[in-house]
Amino acid sequence: MIRKVIDKAFPDKTEANRLKAKVDAKLITMDLEELKRATQVITTEAIGDSWIQRNWRPLTMLTFVGLIVAHWLGWTAPNLGKEQALALLGVVKIGLGGYVVGRSAEKAIKTWKQS
């Protein structure tokens, strides 16, 4: 959307491309900062002192996976529709993605500390 606005606002293609490159760089930086913050949260949880702090995310994901499997096997509430099942699957996708990033960051930090 922003790229179309830039093209309309700047007839000079060189200037428009320069501005689009700046916007792209800023968006990438913002995404990277958000990913770093999410990684810090998950890493802090993964190395936390209490068992529940370290394991609540995996337990939650396993619960949602179990609900999805139960739905596919027909062991589910009759009023749970396709939309709710897909919403659960979306939560699992997001959760597993965050978990994988967090675990990777945790391993990288351990390796860095050992160096």
N, C-alpha and C. Protein backbone atom coordinates (compact mmCIF):
# COMPACT_ATOMS: atom_id res chain seq x y z
N MET A 1 0.82 -1.19 0.00
CA MET A 1 0.00 0.00 0.00
C MET A 1 0.87 1.26 0.00
N ILE A 2 1.84 1.28 0.91
CA ILE A 2 2.70 2.48 1.01
C ILE A 2 3.51 2.66 -0.27
N ARG A 3 3.87 1.57 -0.90
CA ARG A 3 4.67 1.65 -2.13
C ARG A 3 3.87 2.33 -3.25
N LYS A 4 2.57 2.04 -3.32
CA LYS A 4 1.72 2.68 -4.33
C LYS A 4 1.59 4.18 -4.06
N VAL A 5 1.47 4.53 -2.79
CA VAL A 5 1.37 5.95 -2.42
C VAL A 5 2.65 6.68 -2.81
N ILE A 6 3.79 6.04 -2.54
CA ILE A 6 5.07 6.65 -2.90
C ILE A 6 5.17 6.84 -4.41
N ASP A 7 4.75 5.83 -5.18
CA ASP A 7 4.80 5.94 -6.64
C ASP A 7 3.94 7.10 -7.15
N LYS A 8 2.78 7.29 -6.51
CA LYS A 8 1.90 8.39 -6.93
C LYS A 8 2.46 9.74 -6.50
N ALA A 9 3.07 9.80 -5.31
CA ALA A 9 3.55 11.07 -4.77
C ALA A 9 4.86 11.52 -5.41
N PHE A 10 5.66 10.58 -5.90
CA PHE A 10 6.97 10.90 -6.47
C PHE A 10 7.04 10.41 -7.91
N PRO A 11 6.80 11.28 -8.87
CA PRO A 11 6.87 10.86 -10.27
C PRO A 11 8.28 10.45 -10.70
N ASP A 12 9.30 11.03 -10.03
CA ASP A 12 10.68 10.66 -10.33
C ASP A 12 10.94 9.26 -9.77
N LYS A 13 11.16 8.29 -10.64
CA LYS A 13 11.32 6.89 -10.23
C LYS A 13 12.54 6.68 -9.34
N THR A 14 13.59 7.41 -9.58
CA THR A 14 14.79 7.27 -8.76
C THR A 14 14.50 7.67 -7.32
N GLU A 15 13.84 8.81 -7.17
CA GLU A 15 13.48 9.28 -5.83
C GLU A 15 12.48 8.33 -5.17
N ALA A 16 11.52 7.86 -5.94
CA ALA A 16 10.52 6.93 -5.40
C ALA A 16 11.19 5.64 -4.94
N ASN A 17 12.10 5.12 -5.72
CA ASN A 17 12.81 3.88 -5.35
C ASN A 17 13.69 4.08 -4.12
N ARG A 18 14.31 5.26 -4.01
CA ARG A 18 15.14 5.56 -2.84
C ARG A 18 14.27 5.58 -1.59
N LEU A 19 13.11 6.23 -1.67
CA LEU A 19 12.21 6.31 -0.53
C LEU A 19 11.64 4.93 -0.18
N LYS A 20 11.30 4.15 -1.19
CA LYS A 20 10.79 2.79 -0.94
C LYS A 20 11.85 1.93 -0.26
N ALA A 21 13.10 2.11 -0.65
CA ALA A 21 14.19 1.35 -0.01
C ALA A 21 14.32 1.74 1.46
N LYS A 22 14.17 3.04 1.75
CA LYS A 22 14.22 3.49 3.15
C LYS A 22 13.07 2.90 3.96
N VAL A 23 11.88 2.90 3.38
CA VAL A 23 10.70 2.34 4.06
C VAL A 23 10.91 0.85 4.30
N ASP A 24 11.39 0.14 3.29
CA ASP A 24 11.65 -1.30 3.45
C ASP A 24 12.66 -1.56 4.56
N ALA A 25 13.72 -0.77 4.59
CA ALA A 25 14.74 -0.95 5.62
C ALA A 25 14.16 -0.70 7.01
N LYS A 26 13.32 0.31 7.14
CA LYS A 26 12.70 0.61 8.43
C LYS A 26 11.77 -0.52 8.85
N LEU A 27 11.00 -1.06 7.93
CA LEU A 27 10.10 -2.17 8.25
C LEU A 27 10.88 -3.41 8.68
N ILE A 28 11.98 -3.67 8.02
CA ILE A 28 12.82 -4.82 8.39
C ILE A 28 13.40 -4.61 9.78
N THR A 29 13.86 -3.39 10.07
CA THR A 29 14.40 -3.09 11.40
C THR A 29 13.33 -3.27 12.47
N MET A 30 12.12 -2.81 12.19
CA MET A 30 11.03 -2.95 13.16
C MET A 30 10.69 -4.42 13.39
N ASP A 31 10.67 -5.21 12.31
CA ASP A 31 10.41 -6.64 12.45
C ASP A 31 11.50 -7.32 13.27
N LEU A 32 12.74 -6.94 13.03
CA LEU A 32 13.85 -7.53 13.77
C LEU A 32 13.78 -7.18 15.25
N GLU A 33 13.43 -5.94 15.57
CA GLU A 33 13.29 -5.53 16.97
C GLU A 33 12.18 -6.30 17.65
N GLU A 34 11.06 -6.49 16.96
CA GLU A 34 9.95 -7.25 17.52
C GLU A 34 10.36 -8.71 17.76
N LEU A 35 11.08 -9.28 16.83
CA LEU A 35 11.56 -10.65 16.97
C LEU A 35 12.53 -10.78 18.15
N LYS A 36 13.40 -9.79 18.33
CA LYS A 36 14.33 -9.81 19.45
C LYS A 36 13.59 -9.75 20.79
N ARG A 37 12.57 -8.88 20.87
CA ARG A 37 11.79 -8.79 22.11
C ARG A 37 11.08 -10.10 22.40
N ALA A 38 10.48 -10.70 21.39
CA ALA A 38 9.78 -11.98 21.59
C ALA A 38 10.77 -13.06 22.01
N THR A 39 11.94 -13.06 21.42
CA THR A 39 12.97 -14.04 21.77
C THR A 39 13.42 -13.86 23.21
N GLN A 40 13.57 -12.62 23.65
CA GLN A 40 13.97 -12.36 25.03
C GLN A 40 12.94 -12.88 26.02
N VAL A 41 11.66 -12.67 25.72
CA VAL A 41 10.60 -13.15 26.60
C VAL A 41 10.63 -14.67 26.70
N ILE A 42 10.70 -15.32 25.57
CA ILE A 42 10.67 -16.79 25.56
C ILE A 42 11.93 -17.36 26.19
N THR A 43 13.07 -16.74 25.93
CA THR A 43 14.32 -17.21 26.52
C THR A 43 14.29 -17.07 28.04
N THR A 44 13.77 -15.94 28.51
CA THR A 44 13.65 -15.72 29.96
C THR A 44 12.77 -16.79 30.59
N GLU A 45 11.67 -17.11 29.93
CA GLU A 45 10.79 -18.17 30.43
C GLU A 45 11.50 -19.52 30.42
N ALA A 46 12.22 -19.81 29.35
CA ALA A 46 12.85 -21.12 29.19
C ALA A 46 13.95 -21.37 30.23
N ILE A 47 14.59 -20.31 30.72
CA ILE A 47 15.66 -20.49 31.70
C ILE A 47 15.22 -20.05 33.09
N GLY A 48 13.90 -19.89 33.26
CA GLY A 48 13.37 -19.43 34.54
C GLY A 48 13.60 -20.42 35.67
N ASP A 49 13.37 -19.95 36.89
CA ASP A 49 13.62 -20.75 38.08
C ASP A 49 12.54 -21.80 38.33
N SER A 50 11.29 -21.47 38.06
CA SER A 50 10.22 -22.42 38.41
C SER A 50 9.88 -23.33 37.23
N TRP A 51 9.42 -24.52 37.57
CA TRP A 51 9.06 -25.51 36.57
C TRP A 51 7.93 -24.99 35.69
N ILE A 52 6.92 -24.37 36.29
CA ILE A 52 5.78 -23.88 35.52
C ILE A 52 6.18 -22.75 34.59
N GLN A 53 7.11 -21.89 35.00
CA GLN A 53 7.59 -20.81 34.14
C GLN A 53 8.28 -21.38 32.91
N ARG A 54 9.05 -22.42 33.07
CA ARG A 54 9.78 -23.02 31.95
C ARG A 54 8.86 -23.83 31.03
N ASN A 55 7.76 -24.35 31.55
CA ASN A 55 7.00 -25.33 30.79
C ASN A 55 5.57 -24.93 30.42
N TRP A 56 5.11 -23.74 30.80
CA TRP A 56 3.72 -23.41 30.51
C TRP A 56 3.44 -23.33 29.01
N ARG A 57 4.38 -22.81 28.24
CA ARG A 57 4.18 -22.71 26.80
C ARG A 57 4.09 -24.09 26.13
N PRO A 58 5.05 -24.97 26.39
CA PRO A 58 4.93 -26.30 25.79
C PRO A 58 3.66 -27.04 26.22
N LEU A 59 3.29 -26.90 27.48
CA LEU A 59 2.06 -27.56 27.95
C LEU A 59 0.83 -27.00 27.25
N THR A 60 0.79 -25.70 27.07
CA THR A 60 -0.33 -25.07 26.36
C THR A 60 -0.39 -25.56 24.92
N MET A 61 0.75 -25.60 24.27
CA MET A 61 0.77 -26.05 22.88
C MET A 61 0.35 -27.52 22.77
N LEU A 62 0.81 -28.34 23.70
CA LEU A 62 0.41 -29.75 23.68
C LEU A 62 -1.10 -29.89 23.89
N THR A 63 -1.67 -29.03 24.73
CA THR A 63 -3.11 -29.06 24.95
C THR A 63 -3.85 -28.71 23.67
N PHE A 64 -3.42 -27.66 22.99
CA PHE A 64 -4.07 -27.27 21.74
C PHE A 64 -3.90 -28.34 20.66
N VAL A 65 -2.71 -28.93 20.58
CA VAL A 65 -2.49 -30.01 19.62
C VAL A 65 -3.43 -31.17 19.94
N GLY A 66 -3.56 -31.49 21.22
CA GLY A 66 -4.48 -32.57 21.62
C GLY A 66 -5.92 -32.26 21.23
N LEU A 67 -6.35 -31.00 21.39
CA LEU A 67 -7.70 -30.62 20.98
C LEU A 67 -7.90 -30.77 19.47
N ILE A 68 -6.88 -30.41 18.70
CA ILE A 68 -6.98 -30.53 17.24
C ILE A 68 -7.06 -32.00 16.84
N VAL A 69 -6.19 -32.83 17.42
CA VAL A 69 -6.21 -34.27 17.11
C VAL A 69 -7.55 -34.88 17.51
N ALA A 70 -8.05 -34.51 18.69
CA ALA A 70 -9.35 -35.02 19.14
C ALA A 70 -10.45 -34.62 18.15
N HIS A 71 -10.39 -33.41 17.66
CA HIS A 71 -11.40 -32.94 16.69
C HIS A 71 -11.32 -33.77 15.41
N TRP A 72 -10.11 -34.01 14.92
CA TRP A 72 -9.95 -34.79 13.69
C TRP A 72 -10.40 -36.24 13.86
N LEU A 73 -10.26 -36.74 15.09
CA LEU A 73 -10.69 -38.13 15.36
C LEU A 73 -12.17 -38.21 15.72
N GLY A 74 -12.83 -37.07 15.79
CA GLY A 74 -14.26 -37.06 16.08
C GLY A 74 -14.58 -37.04 17.56
N TRP A 75 -13.58 -36.87 18.41
CA TRP A 75 -13.80 -36.82 19.86
C TRP A 75 -13.85 -35.37 20.33
N THR A 76 -14.87 -34.68 19.93
CA THR A 76 -14.94 -33.27 20.26
C THR A 76 -16.37 -32.86 20.54
N ALA A 77 -16.52 -31.69 21.10
CA ALA A 77 -17.86 -31.17 21.36
C ALA A 77 -18.60 -30.99 20.04
N PRO A 78 -19.88 -31.34 19.99
CA PRO A 78 -20.61 -31.25 18.73
C PRO A 78 -20.75 -29.82 18.20
N ASN A 79 -20.66 -28.83 19.07
CA ASN A 79 -20.81 -27.45 18.61
C ASN A 79 -19.49 -26.79 18.24
N LEU A 80 -18.38 -27.52 18.26
CA LEU A 80 -17.09 -26.98 17.84
C LEU A 80 -17.02 -27.07 16.32
N GLY A 81 -17.06 -25.94 15.68
CA GLY A 81 -17.09 -25.92 14.22
C GLY A 81 -15.71 -25.87 13.60
N LYS A 82 -15.74 -25.85 12.28
CA LYS A 82 -14.50 -25.82 11.51
C LYS A 82 -13.71 -24.54 11.80
N GLU A 83 -14.41 -23.41 11.95
CA GLU A 83 -13.72 -22.14 12.23
C GLU A 83 -12.96 -22.19 13.54
N GLN A 84 -13.56 -22.77 14.58
CA GLN A 84 -12.88 -22.86 15.87
C GLN A 84 -11.68 -23.81 15.79
N ALA A 85 -11.85 -24.91 15.06
CA ALA A 85 -10.72 -25.85 14.90
C ALA A 85 -9.57 -25.18 14.16
N LEU A 86 -9.89 -24.39 13.13
CA LEU A 86 -8.84 -23.68 12.39
C LEU A 86 -8.20 -22.60 13.26
N ALA A 87 -8.99 -21.97 14.13
CA ALA A 87 -8.43 -20.98 15.05
C ALA A 87 -7.44 -21.64 16.01
N LEU A 88 -7.79 -22.82 16.51
CA LEU A 88 -6.86 -23.57 17.37
C LEU A 88 -5.57 -23.90 16.62
N LEU A 89 -5.72 -24.32 15.37
CA LEU A 89 -4.54 -24.64 14.57
C LEU A 89 -3.67 -23.39 14.37
N GLY A 90 -4.30 -22.23 14.19
CA GLY A 90 -3.55 -20.98 14.06
C GLY A 90 -2.76 -20.67 15.32
N VAL A 91 -3.37 -20.91 16.49
CA VAL A 91 -2.67 -20.68 17.76
C VAL A 91 -1.46 -21.61 17.86
N VAL A 92 -1.65 -22.85 17.46
CA VAL A 92 -0.54 -23.81 17.51
C VAL A 92 0.59 -23.37 16.58
N LYS A 93 0.26 -22.92 15.38
CA LYS A 93 1.29 -22.47 14.44
C LYS A 93 2.09 -21.30 15.02
N ILE A 94 1.39 -20.33 15.58
CA ILE A 94 2.07 -19.16 16.16
C ILE A 94 2.91 -19.59 17.36
N GLY A 95 2.32 -20.41 18.22
CA GLY A 95 3.02 -20.85 19.43
C GLY A 95 4.26 -21.67 19.12
N LEU A 96 4.14 -22.59 18.18
CA LEU A 96 5.31 -23.40 17.83
C LEU A 96 6.38 -22.56 17.16
N GLY A 97 5.97 -21.59 16.35
CA GLY A 97 6.94 -20.70 15.73
C GLY A 97 7.72 -19.93 16.78
N GLY A 98 7.03 -19.38 17.77
CA GLY A 98 7.69 -18.65 18.85
C GLY A 98 8.56 -19.55 19.70
N TYR A 99 8.09 -20.77 19.92
CA TYR A 99 8.86 -21.72 20.73
C TYR A 99 10.16 -22.09 20.03
N VAL A 100 10.09 -22.33 18.73
CA VAL A 100 11.30 -22.69 17.98
C VAL A 100 12.31 -21.56 18.01
N VAL A 101 11.83 -20.32 17.83
CA VAL A 101 12.74 -19.16 17.87
C VAL A 101 13.36 -19.04 19.25
N GLY A 102 12.54 -19.19 20.29
CA GLY A 102 13.04 -19.07 21.66
C GLY A 102 14.06 -20.14 22.00
N ARG A 103 13.79 -21.37 21.61
CA ARG A 103 14.74 -22.45 21.88
C ARG A 103 16.05 -22.23 21.12
N SER A 104 15.95 -21.76 19.89
CA SER A 104 17.16 -21.48 19.12
C SER A 104 17.98 -20.38 19.79
N ALA A 105 17.30 -19.35 20.26
CA ALA A 105 17.99 -18.25 20.93
C ALA A 105 18.63 -18.74 22.23
N GLU A 106 17.91 -19.59 22.96
CA GLU A 106 18.45 -20.13 24.21
C GLU A 106 19.73 -20.92 23.96
N LYS A 107 19.72 -21.76 22.93
CA LYS A 107 20.92 -22.55 22.59
C LYS A 107 22.06 -21.64 22.14
N ALA A 108 21.74 -20.62 21.38
CA ALA A 108 22.77 -19.70 20.92
C ALA A 108 23.40 -18.94 22.08
N ILE A 109 22.58 -18.55 23.04
CA ILE A 109 23.09 -17.84 24.22
C ILE A 109 24.00 -18.75 25.04
N LYS A 110 23.60 -20.01 25.23
CA LYS A 110 24.43 -20.95 25.98
C LYS A 110 25.78 -21.16 25.29
N THR A 111 25.75 -21.28 23.95
CA THR A 111 26.98 -21.47 23.20
C THR A 111 27.86 -20.23 23.31
N TRP A 112 27.25 -19.05 23.22
CA TRP A 112 28.00 -17.79 23.31
C TRP A 112 28.63 -17.66 24.69
N LYS A 113 27.91 -18.02 25.75
CA LYS A 113 28.44 -17.90 27.12
C LYS A 113 29.60 -18.86 27.34
N GLN A 114 29.59 -20.00 26.66
CA GLN A 114 30.67 -20.98 26.83
C GLN A 114 31.94 -20.55 26.09
N SER A 115 31.80 -19.66 25.11
CA SER A 115 32.97 -19.23 24.33
C SER A 115 33.87 -18.33 25.11
